[in-house]
N, C-alpha and C. Protein backbone atom coordinates (compact mmCIF):
# COMPACT_ATOMS: atom_id res chain seq x y z
N MET A 1 -32.20 62.26 72.97
CA MET A 1 -30.95 61.70 73.37
C MET A 1 -29.95 61.91 72.25
N GLN A 2 -28.84 62.45 72.59
CA GLN A 2 -27.81 62.69 71.60
C GLN A 2 -26.63 61.77 71.86
N PHE A 3 -26.09 61.27 70.76
CA PHE A 3 -24.91 60.41 70.88
C PHE A 3 -23.67 61.23 70.59
N LYS A 4 -22.72 61.00 71.38
CA LYS A 4 -21.45 61.67 71.12
C LYS A 4 -20.63 60.78 70.19
N ILE A 5 -20.21 61.34 69.16
CA ILE A 5 -19.36 60.62 68.20
C ILE A 5 -17.92 61.01 68.49
N HIS A 6 -17.17 59.98 68.79
CA HIS A 6 -15.76 60.23 69.07
C HIS A 6 -15.01 60.29 67.76
N LYS A 7 -14.36 61.34 67.58
CA LYS A 7 -13.56 61.49 66.36
C LYS A 7 -12.13 61.10 66.70
N HIS A 8 -11.68 60.13 66.00
CA HIS A 8 -10.31 59.67 66.20
C HIS A 8 -9.42 60.35 65.18
N LYS A 9 -8.21 60.39 65.56
CA LYS A 9 -7.23 60.95 64.64
C LYS A 9 -7.10 60.02 63.44
N PRO A 10 -6.88 60.55 62.26
CA PRO A 10 -6.74 59.70 61.08
C PRO A 10 -5.58 58.72 61.21
N ASN A 11 -4.54 59.07 61.95
CA ASN A 11 -3.39 58.18 62.10
C ASN A 11 -3.74 56.92 62.86
N TYR A 12 -4.75 56.97 63.72
CA TYR A 12 -5.15 55.81 64.50
C TYR A 12 -5.54 54.66 63.57
N PHE A 13 -6.36 54.94 62.59
CA PHE A 13 -6.81 53.91 61.66
C PHE A 13 -5.66 53.44 60.76
N ASN A 14 -4.81 54.33 60.38
CA ASN A 14 -3.66 53.93 59.58
C ASN A 14 -2.73 53.02 60.38
N ASN A 15 -2.58 53.32 61.65
CA ASN A 15 -1.74 52.47 62.50
C ASN A 15 -2.37 51.09 62.67
N CYS A 16 -3.69 51.04 62.80
CA CYS A 16 -4.38 49.75 62.93
C CYS A 16 -4.21 48.92 61.65
N LYS A 17 -4.35 49.55 60.50
CA LYS A 17 -4.18 48.85 59.23
C LYS A 17 -2.75 48.32 59.11
N LEU A 18 -1.80 49.13 59.51
CA LEU A 18 -0.40 48.72 59.44
C LEU A 18 -0.14 47.53 60.36
N CYS A 19 -0.69 47.56 61.57
CA CYS A 19 -0.51 46.45 62.51
C CYS A 19 -1.12 45.16 61.96
N ILE A 20 -2.29 45.27 61.37
CA ILE A 20 -2.95 44.09 60.80
C ILE A 20 -2.12 43.53 59.65
N LYS A 21 -1.60 44.39 58.80
CA LYS A 21 -0.77 43.93 57.68
C LYS A 21 0.49 43.26 58.19
N LEU A 22 1.11 43.83 59.20
CA LEU A 22 2.33 43.23 59.76
C LEU A 22 2.06 41.87 60.39
N MET A 23 0.90 41.74 61.09
CA MET A 23 0.56 40.45 61.68
C MET A 23 0.29 39.41 60.60
N LEU A 24 -0.38 39.80 59.53
CA LEU A 24 -0.63 38.87 58.43
C LEU A 24 0.68 38.46 57.76
N LEU A 25 1.57 39.41 57.56
CA LEU A 25 2.86 39.10 56.96
C LEU A 25 3.64 38.14 57.84
N ALA A 26 3.63 38.37 59.15
CA ALA A 26 4.33 37.47 60.07
C ALA A 26 3.70 36.08 60.03
N LEU A 27 2.38 36.01 59.99
CA LEU A 27 1.68 34.73 59.94
C LEU A 27 2.03 33.97 58.66
N PHE A 28 1.98 34.64 57.51
CA PHE A 28 2.31 33.97 56.25
C PHE A 28 3.78 33.55 56.21
N SER A 29 4.64 34.36 56.76
CA SER A 29 6.07 33.99 56.80
C SER A 29 6.27 32.76 57.66
N PHE A 30 5.58 32.72 58.79
CA PHE A 30 5.69 31.57 59.68
C PHE A 30 5.16 30.31 59.00
N LEU A 31 4.00 30.43 58.36
CA LEU A 31 3.42 29.27 57.68
C LEU A 31 4.30 28.78 56.54
N HIS A 32 4.90 29.71 55.82
CA HIS A 32 5.80 29.33 54.72
C HIS A 32 7.02 28.60 55.27
N GLY A 33 7.54 29.08 56.38
CA GLY A 33 8.71 28.44 56.99
C GLY A 33 8.39 27.06 57.53
N CYS A 34 7.16 26.85 57.97
CA CYS A 34 6.76 25.57 58.52
C CYS A 34 6.25 24.59 57.47
N SER A 35 6.21 25.01 56.23
CA SER A 35 5.62 24.17 55.20
C SER A 35 6.50 22.98 54.84
N GLY A 36 7.71 22.92 55.36
CA GLY A 36 8.58 21.79 55.09
C GLY A 36 9.44 21.95 53.86
N GLN A 37 9.31 23.04 53.17
CA GLN A 37 10.14 23.26 52.00
C GLN A 37 11.48 23.80 52.45
N LYS A 38 12.50 23.07 52.15
CA LYS A 38 13.83 23.51 52.52
C LYS A 38 14.59 23.90 51.27
N GLU A 39 15.30 25.00 51.36
CA GLU A 39 16.10 25.42 50.22
C GLU A 39 17.36 24.56 50.17
N THR A 40 17.74 24.21 48.98
CA THR A 40 18.96 23.43 48.82
C THR A 40 20.00 24.31 48.15
N LYS A 41 21.17 24.24 48.69
CA LYS A 41 22.27 24.99 48.10
C LYS A 41 23.04 24.07 47.18
N GLN A 42 23.38 24.60 46.04
CA GLN A 42 24.17 23.82 45.10
C GLN A 42 25.63 24.15 45.36
N VAL A 43 26.39 23.11 45.64
CA VAL A 43 27.78 23.31 45.99
C VAL A 43 28.65 22.76 44.87
N LEU A 44 29.57 23.59 44.42
CA LEU A 44 30.51 23.13 43.40
C LEU A 44 31.58 22.27 44.07
N PRO A 45 32.01 21.22 43.41
CA PRO A 45 33.05 20.39 44.00
C PRO A 45 34.36 21.17 44.09
N THR A 46 35.07 20.95 45.17
CA THR A 46 36.37 21.59 45.33
C THR A 46 37.44 20.73 44.68
N GLU A 47 38.65 21.25 44.65
CA GLU A 47 39.73 20.51 43.99
C GLU A 47 39.99 19.16 44.66
N ASN A 48 39.78 19.09 45.96
CA ASN A 48 40.03 17.84 46.68
C ASN A 48 39.01 16.77 46.34
N GLN A 49 37.82 17.16 45.93
CA GLN A 49 36.76 16.21 45.64
C GLN A 49 36.73 15.75 44.20
N VAL A 50 37.50 16.37 43.33
CA VAL A 50 37.46 16.06 41.90
C VAL A 50 38.69 15.25 41.52
N GLN A 51 38.46 14.18 40.78
CA GLN A 51 39.55 13.38 40.25
C GLN A 51 39.96 13.97 38.91
N ILE A 52 41.16 14.53 38.86
CA ILE A 52 41.65 15.15 37.63
C ILE A 52 42.21 14.06 36.72
N SER A 53 41.82 14.11 35.47
CA SER A 53 42.27 13.14 34.48
C SER A 53 43.76 13.32 34.19
N GLU A 54 44.41 12.24 33.82
CA GLU A 54 45.83 12.30 33.45
C GLU A 54 46.04 13.16 32.21
N SER A 55 45.05 13.18 31.33
CA SER A 55 45.17 13.94 30.08
C SER A 55 44.47 15.30 30.18
N ALA A 56 44.34 15.81 31.40
CA ALA A 56 43.67 17.10 31.59
C ALA A 56 44.41 18.21 30.86
N ILE A 57 43.68 19.16 30.36
CA ILE A 57 44.25 20.26 29.57
C ILE A 57 44.41 21.48 30.47
N ASN A 58 45.58 22.09 30.41
CA ASN A 58 45.85 23.29 31.19
C ASN A 58 45.17 24.48 30.51
N ILE A 59 44.18 25.06 31.17
CA ILE A 59 43.42 26.15 30.56
C ILE A 59 44.20 27.46 30.54
N ASN A 60 45.33 27.51 31.24
CA ASN A 60 46.15 28.72 31.23
C ASN A 60 47.12 28.77 30.06
N THR A 61 47.42 27.62 29.47
CA THR A 61 48.41 27.59 28.38
C THR A 61 47.87 27.01 27.09
N ALA A 62 46.67 26.45 27.12
CA ALA A 62 46.14 25.74 25.95
C ALA A 62 45.77 26.71 24.83
N SER A 63 45.99 26.26 23.62
CA SER A 63 45.57 27.04 22.44
C SER A 63 44.08 26.80 22.20
N ALA A 64 43.53 27.53 21.26
CA ALA A 64 42.11 27.37 20.93
C ALA A 64 41.82 25.95 20.45
N GLU A 65 42.73 25.39 19.67
CA GLU A 65 42.52 24.03 19.16
C GLU A 65 42.52 23.01 20.30
N GLU A 66 43.40 23.19 21.27
CA GLU A 66 43.44 22.27 22.41
C GLU A 66 42.19 22.41 23.27
N LEU A 67 41.73 23.63 23.46
CA LEU A 67 40.53 23.85 24.26
C LEU A 67 39.30 23.24 23.59
N GLU A 68 39.27 23.26 22.27
CA GLU A 68 38.13 22.69 21.54
C GLU A 68 38.07 21.17 21.66
N LYS A 69 39.15 20.54 22.07
CA LYS A 69 39.14 19.09 22.27
C LYS A 69 38.38 18.70 23.53
N ILE A 70 38.16 19.66 24.42
CA ILE A 70 37.39 19.39 25.63
C ILE A 70 35.92 19.29 25.23
N PRO A 71 35.23 18.25 25.70
CA PRO A 71 33.80 18.12 25.35
C PRO A 71 33.01 19.35 25.81
N HIS A 72 32.05 19.74 25.03
CA HIS A 72 31.16 20.87 25.30
C HIS A 72 31.85 22.23 25.17
N ILE A 73 33.07 22.27 24.65
CA ILE A 73 33.76 23.54 24.41
C ILE A 73 33.90 23.69 22.90
N GLY A 74 33.21 24.65 22.37
CA GLY A 74 33.28 24.90 20.93
C GLY A 74 34.23 26.03 20.62
N THR A 75 34.20 26.45 19.38
CA THR A 75 35.10 27.50 18.91
C THR A 75 34.88 28.81 19.66
N LYS A 76 33.65 29.18 19.85
CA LYS A 76 33.33 30.47 20.48
C LYS A 76 33.77 30.50 21.94
N ILE A 77 33.47 29.45 22.69
CA ILE A 77 33.85 29.43 24.10
C ILE A 77 35.36 29.34 24.24
N ALA A 78 36.02 28.59 23.37
CA ALA A 78 37.48 28.52 23.40
C ALA A 78 38.08 29.91 23.17
N GLN A 79 37.52 30.64 22.22
CA GLN A 79 37.99 32.01 21.96
C GLN A 79 37.72 32.91 23.16
N ASN A 80 36.57 32.75 23.80
CA ASN A 80 36.24 33.54 24.99
C ASN A 80 37.21 33.25 26.13
N ILE A 81 37.62 32.00 26.28
CA ILE A 81 38.59 31.64 27.33
C ILE A 81 39.92 32.33 27.06
N ILE A 82 40.37 32.31 25.83
CA ILE A 82 41.64 32.93 25.48
C ILE A 82 41.56 34.45 25.68
N GLU A 83 40.46 35.07 25.27
CA GLU A 83 40.29 36.51 25.47
C GLU A 83 40.27 36.85 26.96
N PHE A 84 39.62 36.03 27.74
CA PHE A 84 39.57 36.25 29.19
C PHE A 84 40.98 36.20 29.77
N ARG A 85 41.76 35.21 29.35
CA ARG A 85 43.16 35.10 29.81
C ARG A 85 43.96 36.33 29.45
N GLN A 86 43.78 36.81 28.22
CA GLN A 86 44.54 37.99 27.77
C GLN A 86 44.14 39.24 28.54
N ASN A 87 42.86 39.37 28.87
CA ASN A 87 42.38 40.57 29.56
C ASN A 87 42.65 40.55 31.06
N TYR A 88 42.55 39.38 31.69
CA TYR A 88 42.60 39.31 33.15
C TYR A 88 43.75 38.47 33.70
N GLY A 89 44.51 37.85 32.85
CA GLY A 89 45.62 37.04 33.32
C GLY A 89 45.22 35.58 33.51
N ARG A 90 46.14 34.85 34.12
CA ARG A 90 45.94 33.41 34.30
C ARG A 90 44.78 33.11 35.23
N PHE A 91 44.20 31.93 35.06
CA PHE A 91 43.17 31.44 35.97
C PHE A 91 43.88 30.94 37.23
N ARG A 92 43.51 31.48 38.38
CA ARG A 92 44.12 31.04 39.64
C ARG A 92 43.43 29.82 40.21
N LYS A 93 42.16 29.66 39.88
CA LYS A 93 41.38 28.49 40.29
C LYS A 93 40.57 28.03 39.09
N PRO A 94 40.31 26.74 38.97
CA PRO A 94 39.49 26.27 37.85
C PRO A 94 38.09 26.88 37.86
N GLU A 95 37.57 27.18 39.05
CA GLU A 95 36.23 27.75 39.18
C GLU A 95 36.13 29.12 38.52
N TYR A 96 37.24 29.82 38.34
CA TYR A 96 37.22 31.13 37.69
C TYR A 96 36.80 31.01 36.22
N LEU A 97 36.82 29.81 35.71
CA LEU A 97 36.36 29.58 34.34
C LEU A 97 34.87 29.95 34.21
N LEU A 98 34.15 29.93 35.32
CA LEU A 98 32.74 30.30 35.30
C LEU A 98 32.53 31.77 34.96
N LEU A 99 33.57 32.57 35.06
CA LEU A 99 33.48 33.99 34.73
C LEU A 99 33.52 34.25 33.23
N VAL A 100 33.89 33.24 32.48
CA VAL A 100 34.00 33.37 31.02
C VAL A 100 32.60 33.33 30.42
N ARG A 101 32.34 34.24 29.50
CA ARG A 101 31.04 34.29 28.83
C ARG A 101 30.78 32.98 28.08
N GLY A 102 29.61 32.41 28.32
CA GLY A 102 29.23 31.17 27.66
C GLY A 102 29.48 29.93 28.51
N MET A 103 30.19 30.08 29.61
CA MET A 103 30.48 28.93 30.48
C MET A 103 29.42 28.87 31.57
N SER A 104 28.60 27.85 31.52
CA SER A 104 27.55 27.69 32.52
C SER A 104 28.05 26.78 33.64
N ASP A 105 27.31 26.79 34.72
CA ASP A 105 27.65 25.94 35.86
C ASP A 105 27.59 24.47 35.46
N LYS A 106 26.57 24.11 34.71
CA LYS A 106 26.41 22.72 34.27
C LYS A 106 27.58 22.29 33.38
N ARG A 107 27.93 23.14 32.44
CA ARG A 107 29.04 22.84 31.54
C ARG A 107 30.34 22.69 32.33
N PHE A 108 30.55 23.59 33.30
CA PHE A 108 31.76 23.53 34.10
C PHE A 108 31.85 22.21 34.87
N ARG A 109 30.74 21.79 35.47
CA ARG A 109 30.75 20.52 36.22
C ARG A 109 31.04 19.34 35.30
N GLU A 110 30.61 19.41 34.05
CA GLU A 110 30.85 18.31 33.11
C GLU A 110 32.32 18.22 32.69
N ILE A 111 33.01 19.36 32.65
CA ILE A 111 34.39 19.35 32.17
C ILE A 111 35.42 19.49 33.28
N ARG A 112 34.96 19.62 34.52
CA ARG A 112 35.89 19.92 35.63
C ARG A 112 37.04 18.93 35.72
N SER A 113 36.78 17.66 35.55
CA SER A 113 37.84 16.65 35.69
C SER A 113 38.78 16.63 34.48
N LEU A 114 38.43 17.36 33.42
CA LEU A 114 39.25 17.35 32.21
C LEU A 114 40.15 18.58 32.07
N ILE A 115 40.10 19.48 33.07
CA ILE A 115 40.91 20.69 32.99
C ILE A 115 41.81 20.81 34.22
N LYS A 116 42.87 21.56 34.06
CA LYS A 116 43.75 21.87 35.20
C LYS A 116 44.30 23.28 34.98
N ILE A 117 44.95 23.80 36.01
CA ILE A 117 45.47 25.16 35.92
C ILE A 117 46.99 25.22 36.07
N GLU A 118 47.62 24.10 36.34
CA GLU A 118 49.07 24.08 36.52
C GLU A 118 49.78 23.62 35.27
């Protein structure tokens, strides 16, 4: 008795492997989505939500010495703010201060109520 061995095309097995991988990927993606972990977006306060101090410093006109009076702003960051102003012009929004080298999101949130642009 002879057995006939069916020879399949090599692509058949590659396609099966690909299908299995895709099903596993879909399963893991589904399980990860159902795990209850929700991503939280960090939202910066807008101008309407921030109470600006009466003694707020205008970052468009302040000198280095005035900028250094703001908490968490040292000599280097004050100089970076002035250089940024000279290279790119006035700050149109306070949030543009985040583009200055050395200004972190945390630092910006701490000083937001102490600065203004007008």
